[in-house]
Amino acid sequence: MRNCYQIRNDFIQAVEFSHDLFRVHVKKGSTVIDATAGNGHDTCFLASLVGEKGQVYSFDIQKKAIEKTKALLKEQNLEERVYLIHDGHENLDNYIKGQFIDGVIFNLGYLPGGDKKIITTPDTTITALKKCLPLIKPGGIVVIVIYTGHEGGKDEEEKIIKYAEKLNYTEYNVLRYHFINQRKTPPQVLAIKKRL
């Protein structure tokens, strides 16, 4: 199994890096959140990580995303450990009560193959962060894959970075991983780890 702390021959892309962080911090039996179900790839990845006794809460505002995620989970025989929630991630506290979370992943922007006008927004994303951070167990992580190449993406990036910079360093470590010399706008990762 790959480990994000191993030496590599090349730098890795944002989504792969986000998955490596989860491989290190999430174990069998964990409870995690996919705050943006999308096409279901992160949800399936998390469901395979947490195992049969783990739980994944997967959110999306688009019915199409929930349906695609459900189909992919069924195809991989992972649906039993996942709660699919057709609602915005800013409402996660309506569904997750009385339990702590090992990790949360956000994959921001728009649904690949979907309507590019339906995007995540800084207001709902920051609201979700404010609600999920207190639920994270010590040593747990929140990983945000940020895309800036679409309308509204740069604004969301700036506001999320500004929010994360103000997190108390005695409670959270915050890491930003991104390429700075590429022509296009590659995604970046913002990782927040709750300190012990």
C-alpha atoms as a PDB file:
ATOM      1  CA  MET A   1       0.000   0.000   0.000  1.00  0.00           C
ATOM      2  CA  ARG A   2       1.280   3.439  -0.905  1.00  0.00           C
ATOM      3  CA  ASN A   3       1.993   5.883   1.859  1.00  0.00           C
ATOM      4  CA  CYS A   4       2.085   9.650   1.375  1.00  0.00           C
ATOM      5  CA  TYR A   5       5.245   9.805   3.455  1.00  0.00           C
ATOM      6  CA  GLN A   6       7.198   7.484   1.141  1.00  0.00           C
ATOM      7  CA  ILE A   7       9.699   8.963  -1.290  1.00  0.00           C
ATOM      8  CA  ARG A   8       8.301   9.161  -4.831  1.00  0.00           C
ATOM      9  CA  ASN A   9       9.830   9.491  -8.266  1.00  0.00           C
ATOM     10  CA  ASP A  10       7.441  12.286  -9.193  1.00  0.00           C
ATOM     11  CA  PHE A  11       4.957  14.675  -7.628  1.00  0.00           C
ATOM     12  CA  ILE A  12       1.393  13.402  -7.519  1.00  0.00           C
ATOM     13  CA  GLN A  13      -1.813  15.105  -8.578  1.00  0.00           C
ATOM     14  CA  ALA A  14      -4.246  16.639  -6.088  1.00  0.00           C
ATOM     15  CA  VAL A  15      -6.887  13.892  -5.967  1.00  0.00           C
ATOM     16  CA  GLU A  16      -4.248  11.168  -5.621  1.00  0.00           C
ATOM     17  CA  PHE A  17      -2.580  13.161  -2.833  1.00  0.00           C
ATOM     18  CA  SER A  18      -5.928  13.586  -1.054  1.00  0.00           C
ATOM     19  CA  HIS A  19      -6.465   9.820  -1.198  1.00  0.00           C
ATOM     20  CA  ASP A  20      -2.970   9.176   0.152  1.00  0.00           C
ATOM     21  CA  LEU A  21      -3.765  11.379   3.152  1.00  0.00           C
ATOM     22  CA  PHE A  22      -6.865   9.294   3.835  1.00  0.00           C
ATOM     23  CA  ARG A  23      -4.937   6.031   3.481  1.00  0.00           C
ATOM     24  CA  VAL A  24      -2.672   7.201   6.300  1.00  0.00           C
ATOM     25  CA  HIS A  25      -5.319   8.669   8.621  1.00  0.00           C
ATOM     26  CA  VAL A  26      -8.415   6.495   8.141  1.00  0.00           C
ATOM     27  CA  LYS A  27      -8.676   2.879   9.275  1.00  0.00           C
ATOM     28  CA  LYS A  28     -11.151   0.014   9.092  1.00  0.00           C
ATOM     29  CA  GLY A  29     -14.202   0.844  11.209  1.00  0.00           C
ATOM     30  CA  SER A  30     -13.825   4.612  10.779  1.00  0.00           C
ATOM     31  CA  THR A  31     -16.682   7.036  10.206  1.00  0.00           C
ATOM     32  CA  VAL A  32     -16.054   9.528   7.398  1.00  0.00           C
ATOM     33  CA  ILE A  33     -17.867  12.079   5.253  1.00  0.00           C
ATOM     34  CA  ASP A  34     -17.753  12.696   1.521  1.00  0.00           C
ATOM     35  CA  ALA A  35     -19.121  16.235   1.470  1.00  0.00           C
ATOM     36  CA  THR A  36     -19.464  16.249  -2.338  1.00  0.00           C
ATOM     37  CA  ALA A  37     -20.533  12.863  -3.731  1.00  0.00           C
ATOM     38  CA  GLY A  38     -20.169  13.881  -7.378  1.00  0.00           C
ATOM     39  CA  ASN A  39     -19.756  10.825  -9.607  1.00  0.00           C
ATOM     40  CA  GLY A  40     -19.115   8.613  -6.575  1.00  0.00           C
ATOM     41  CA  HIS A  41     -15.391   7.965  -6.872  1.00  0.00           C
ATOM     42  CA  ASP A  42     -14.410   9.473  -3.502  1.00  0.00           C
ATOM     43  CA  THR A  43     -17.402   7.823  -1.801  1.00  0.00           C
ATOM     44  CA  CYS A  44     -16.390   4.398  -3.143  1.00  0.00           C
ATOM     45  CA  PHE A  45     -12.763   5.002  -2.195  1.00  0.00           C
ATOM     46  CA  LEU A  46     -13.791   5.918   1.364  1.00  0.00           C
ATOM     47  CA  ALA A  47     -16.201   2.963   1.608  1.00  0.00           C
ATOM     48  CA  SER A  48     -13.401   0.584   0.666  1.00  0.00           C
ATOM     49  CA  LEU A  49     -11.099   2.182   3.261  1.00  0.00           C
ATOM     50  CA  VAL A  50     -13.501   2.015   6.216  1.00  0.00           C
ATOM     51  CA  GLY A  51     -14.421  -1.617   5.621  1.00  0.00           C
ATOM     52  CA  GLU A  52     -17.608  -3.458   6.534  1.00  0.00           C
ATOM     53  CA  LYS A  53     -17.820  -1.964  10.034  1.00  0.00           C
ATOM     54  CA  GLY A  54     -17.142   1.608   8.928  1.00  0.00           C
ATOM     55  CA  GLN A  55     -19.592   4.288   7.817  1.00  0.00           C
ATOM     56  CA  VAL A  56     -19.558   6.861   5.045  1.00  0.00           C
ATOM     57  CA  TYR A  57     -21.970   9.793   4.911  1.00  0.00           C
ATOM     58  CA  SER A  58     -22.070  11.071   1.328  1.00  0.00           C
ATOM     59  CA  PHE A  59     -23.741  14.398   0.481  1.00  0.00           C
ATOM     60  CA  ASP A  60     -24.723  16.058  -2.767  1.00  0.00           C
ATOM     61  CA  ILE A  61     -27.332  18.624  -3.774  1.00  0.00           C
ATOM     62  CA  GLN A  62     -27.817  17.038  -7.192  1.00  0.00           C
ATOM     63  CA  LYS A  63     -30.048  14.003  -7.561  1.00  0.00           C
ATOM     64  CA  LYS A  64     -27.993  12.952 -10.601  1.00  0.00           C
ATOM     65  CA  ALA A  65     -24.871  12.787  -8.406  1.00  0.00           C
ATOM     66  CA  ILE A  66     -26.626  10.680  -5.771  1.00  0.00           C
ATOM     67  CA  GLU A  67     -27.884   8.288  -8.463  1.00  0.00           C
ATOM     68  CA  LYS A  68     -24.431   7.945 -10.064  1.00  0.00           C
ATOM     69  CA  THR A  69     -22.836   7.359  -6.669  1.00  0.00           C
ATOM     70  CA  LYS A  70     -25.473   4.776  -5.758  1.00  0.00           C
ATOM     71  CA  ALA A  71     -24.889   2.882  -9.020  1.00  0.00           C
ATOM     72  CA  LEU A  72     -21.111   2.860  -8.526  1.00  0.00           C
ATOM     73  CA  LEU A  73     -21.466   1.666  -4.921  1.00  0.00           C
ATOM     74  CA  LYS A  74     -23.786  -1.136  -6.018  1.00  0.00           C
ATOM     75  CA  GLU A  75     -21.387  -2.143  -8.790  1.00  0.00           C
ATOM     76  CA  GLN A  76     -18.572  -2.428  -6.225  1.00  0.00           C
ATOM     77  CA  ASN A  77     -20.808  -4.027  -3.566  1.00  0.00           C
ATOM     78  CA  LEU A  78     -20.161  -1.194  -1.092  1.00  0.00           C
ATOM     79  CA  GLU A  79     -23.658   0.277  -0.632  1.00  0.00           C
ATOM     80  CA  GLU A  80     -24.286  -1.248   2.819  1.00  0.00           C
ATOM     81  CA  ARG A  81     -21.759   1.016   4.539  1.00  0.00           C
ATOM     82  CA  VAL A  82     -22.784   4.294   2.898  1.00  0.00           C
ATOM     83  CA  TYR A  83     -25.570   6.753   3.728  1.00  0.00           C
ATOM     84  CA  LEU A  84     -26.395   8.737   0.584  1.00  0.00           C
ATOM     85  CA  ILE A  85     -27.847  12.118   1.481  1.00  0.00           C
ATOM     86  CA  HIS A  86     -29.504  14.338  -1.122  1.00  0.00           C
ATOM     87  CA  ASP A  87     -28.733  17.607   0.647  1.00  0.00           C
ATOM     88  CA  GLY A  88     -26.021  20.246   0.822  1.00  0.00           C
ATOM     89  CA  HIS A  89     -22.922  19.622   2.930  1.00  0.00           C
ATOM     90  CA  GLU A  90     -23.730  22.764   4.914  1.00  0.00           C
ATOM     91  CA  ASN A  91     -26.553  20.748   6.505  1.00  0.00           C
ATOM     92  CA  LEU A  92     -24.401  17.836   7.656  1.00  0.00           C
ATOM     93  CA  ASP A  93     -25.252  18.512  11.289  1.00  0.00           C
ATOM     94  CA  ASN A  94     -28.863  17.513  10.555  1.00  0.00           C
ATOM     95  CA  TYR A  95     -27.692  13.972   9.780  1.00  0.00           C
ATOM     96  CA  ILE A  96     -24.629  13.362  11.927  1.00  0.00           C
ATOM     97  CA  LYS A  97     -25.483  13.614  15.588  1.00  0.00           C
ATOM     98  CA  GLY A  98     -23.708  12.330  18.657  1.00  0.00           C
ATOM     99  CA  GLN A  99     -20.711  10.844  16.898  1.00  0.00           C
ATOM    100  CA  PHE A 100     -17.219  11.892  15.993  1.00  0.00           C
ATOM    101  CA  ILE A 101     -15.698  11.673  12.527  1.00  0.00           C
ATOM    102  CA  ASP A 102     -12.283  10.401  11.423  1.00  0.00           C
ATOM    103  CA  GLY A 103     -12.166  12.318   8.147  1.00  0.00           C
ATOM    104  CA  VAL A 104     -14.027  14.515   5.681  1.00  0.00           C
ATOM    105  CA  ILE A 105     -13.306  15.049   1.993  1.00  0.00           C
ATOM    106  CA  PHE A 106     -14.558  17.889  -0.190  1.00  0.00           C
ATOM    107  CA  ASN A 107     -14.019  17.851  -3.956  1.00  0.00           C
ATOM    108  CA  LEU A 108     -15.134  21.348  -4.905  1.00  0.00           C
ATOM    109  CA  GLY A 109     -16.355  22.868  -8.153  1.00  0.00           C
ATOM    110  CA  TYR A 110     -18.992  21.307 -10.381  1.00  0.00           C
ATOM    111  CA  LEU A 111     -20.161  17.781 -11.156  1.00  0.00           C
ATOM    112  CA  PRO A 112     -17.957  16.403 -13.969  1.00  0.00           C
ATOM    113  CA  GLY A 113     -20.235  15.829 -16.935  1.00  0.00           C
ATOM    114  CA  GLY A 114     -22.970  17.900 -15.287  1.00  0.00           C
ATOM    115  CA  ASP A 115     -24.222  21.479 -15.382  1.00  0.00           C
ATOM    116  CA  LYS A 116     -21.182  23.748 -14.890  1.00  0.00           C
ATOM    117  CA  LYS A 117     -23.449  26.442 -13.459  1.00  0.00           C
ATOM    118  CA  ILE A 118     -24.210  24.292 -10.408  1.00  0.00           C
ATOM    119  CA  ILE A 119     -21.097  24.745  -8.289  1.00  0.00           C
ATOM    120  CA  THR A 120     -19.989  24.641  -4.694  1.00  0.00           C
ATOM    121  CA  THR A 121     -19.879  28.074  -3.085  1.00  0.00           C
ATOM    122  CA  PRO A 122     -17.666  29.597  -0.416  1.00  0.00           C
ATOM    123  CA  ASP A 123     -20.608  30.263   1.898  1.00  0.00           C
ATOM    124  CA  THR A 124     -21.895  26.686   1.983  1.00  0.00           C
ATOM    125  CA  THR A 125     -18.411  25.174   2.040  1.00  0.00           C
ATOM    126  CA  ILE A 126     -17.229  27.344   4.934  1.00  0.00           C
ATOM    127  CA  THR A 127     -20.478  26.667   6.811  1.00  0.00           C
ATOM    128  CA  ALA A 128     -19.839  22.936   6.352  1.00  0.00           C
ATOM    129  CA  LEU A 129     -16.251  23.339   7.572  1.00  0.00           C
ATOM    130  CA  LYS A 130     -17.412  25.209  10.665  1.00  0.00           C
ATOM    131  CA  LYS A 131     -19.847  22.384  11.415  1.00  0.00           C
ATOM    132  CA  CYS A 132     -17.551  19.438  10.701  1.00  0.00           C
ATOM    133  CA  LEU A 133     -14.311  20.594  12.361  1.00  0.00           C
ATOM    134  CA  PRO A 134     -15.683  20.213  15.925  1.00  0.00           C
ATOM    135  CA  LEU A 135     -16.793  16.670  15.004  1.00  0.00           C
ATOM    136  CA  ILE A 136     -13.326  15.566  13.894  1.00  0.00           C
ATOM    137  CA  LYS A 137     -11.536  13.210  16.274  1.00  0.00           C
ATOM    138  CA  PRO A 138      -8.035  14.191  17.410  1.00  0.00           C
ATOM    139  CA  GLY A 139      -5.696  13.029  14.647  1.00  0.00           C
ATOM    140  CA  GLY A 140      -8.545  13.135  12.108  1.00  0.00           C
ATOM    141  CA  ILE A 141      -8.444  15.124   8.885  1.00  0.00           C
ATOM    142  CA  VAL A 142     -10.464  17.307   6.569  1.00  0.00           C
ATOM    143  CA  VAL A 143      -9.197  17.312   2.987  1.00  0.00           C
ATOM    144  CA  ILE A 144     -10.436  19.845   0.448  1.00  0.00           C
ATOM    145  CA  VAL A 145      -9.625  19.506  -3.254  1.00  0.00           C
ATOM    146  CA  ILE A 146     -10.033  23.005  -4.687  1.00  0.00           C
ATOM    147  CA  TYR A 147     -10.578  23.763  -8.369  1.00  0.00           C
ATOM    148  CA  THR A 148     -10.179  27.335  -9.634  1.00  0.00           C
ATOM    149  CA  GLY A 149     -10.589  26.992 -13.413  1.00  0.00           C
ATOM    150  CA  HIS A 150     -14.346  27.618 -13.452  1.00  0.00           C
ATOM    151  CA  GLU A 151     -16.367  30.746 -12.744  1.00  0.00           C
ATOM    152  CA  GLY A 152     -16.549  31.198  -8.971  1.00  0.00           C
ATOM    153  CA  GLY A 153     -13.661  28.825  -8.284  1.00  0.00           C
ATOM    154  CA  LYS A 154     -11.036  31.479  -7.552  1.00  0.00           C
ATOM    155  CA  ASP A 155     -13.381  33.290  -5.159  1.00  0.00           C
ATOM    156  CA  GLU A 156     -14.104  30.036  -3.316  1.00  0.00           C
ATOM    157  CA  GLU A 157     -10.382  29.255  -3.077  1.00  0.00           C
ATOM    158  CA  GLU A 158      -9.524  32.684  -1.651  1.00  0.00           C
ATOM    159  CA  LYS A 159     -12.266  32.589   0.972  1.00  0.00           C
ATOM    160  CA  ILE A 160     -11.517  29.028   2.079  1.00  0.00           C
ATOM    161  CA  ILE A 161      -7.780  29.753   2.348  1.00  0.00           C
ATOM    162  CA  LYS A 162      -8.514  32.906   4.343  1.00  0.00           C
ATOM    163  CA  TYR A 163     -10.779  30.898   6.678  1.00  0.00           C
ATOM    164  CA  ALA A 164      -8.195  28.124   7.108  1.00  0.00           C
ATOM    165  CA  GLU A 165      -5.367  30.575   7.815  1.00  0.00           C
ATOM    166  CA  LYS A 166      -7.296  31.804  10.851  1.00  0.00           C
ATOM    167  CA  LEU A 167      -7.757  28.366  12.421  1.00  0.00           C
ATOM    168  CA  ASN A 168      -6.085  28.131  15.814  1.00  0.00           C
ATOM    169  CA  TYR A 169      -2.697  26.450  15.332  1.00  0.00           C
ATOM    170  CA  THR A 170      -2.924  24.866  18.792  1.00  0.00           C
ATOM    171  CA  GLU A 171      -5.984  22.921  17.570  1.00  0.00           C
ATOM    172  CA  TYR A 172      -5.299  22.374  13.855  1.00  0.00           C
ATOM    173  CA  ASN A 173      -2.400  21.925  11.453  1.00  0.00           C
ATOM    174  CA  VAL A 174      -3.186  23.214   7.957  1.00  0.00           C
ATOM    175  CA  LEU A 175      -1.301  22.157   4.816  1.00  0.00           C
ATOM    176  CA  ARG A 176      -1.654  23.541   1.284  1.00  0.00           C
ATOM    177  CA  TYR A 177      -0.422  21.407  -1.624  1.00  0.00           C
ATOM    178  CA  HIS A 178      -0.452  22.839  -5.139  1.00  0.00           C
ATOM    179  CA  PHE A 179       1.582  23.252  -8.290  1.00  0.00           C
ATOM    180  CA  ILE A 180       2.637  26.857  -8.915  1.00  0.00           C
ATOM    181  CA  ASN A 181       4.229  26.772 -12.381  1.00  0.00           C
ATOM    182  CA  GLN A 182       1.643  25.092 -14.608  1.00  0.00           C
ATOM    183  CA  ARG A 183      -0.180  26.829 -17.473  1.00  0.00           C
ATOM    184  CA  LYS A 184      -3.657  25.657 -16.665  1.00  0.00           C
ATOM    185  CA  THR A 185      -5.222  25.848 -13.227  1.00  0.00           C
ATOM    186  CA  PRO A 186      -4.554  22.454 -11.634  1.00  0.00           C
ATOM    187  CA  PRO A 187      -6.508  21.547  -8.521  1.00  0.00           C
ATOM    188  CA  GLN A 188      -4.894  21.960  -5.139  1.00  0.00           C
ATOM    189  CA  VAL A 189      -5.325  20.322  -1.771  1.00  0.00           C
ATOM    190  CA  LEU A 190      -5.980  22.001   1.541  1.00  0.00           C
ATOM    191  CA  ALA A 191      -5.637  19.539   4.413  1.00  0.00           C
ATOM    192  CA  ILE A 192      -6.639  20.292   7.998  1.00  0.00           C
ATOM    193  CA  LYS A 193      -5.546  17.881  10.717  1.00  0.00           C
ATOM    194  CA  LYS A 194      -6.976  18.073  14.207  1.00  0.00           C
ATOM    195  CA  ARG A 195      -4.141  18.011  16.696  1.00  0.00           C
ATOM    196  CA  LEU A 196      -4.030  15.475  19.508  1.00  0.00           C
END
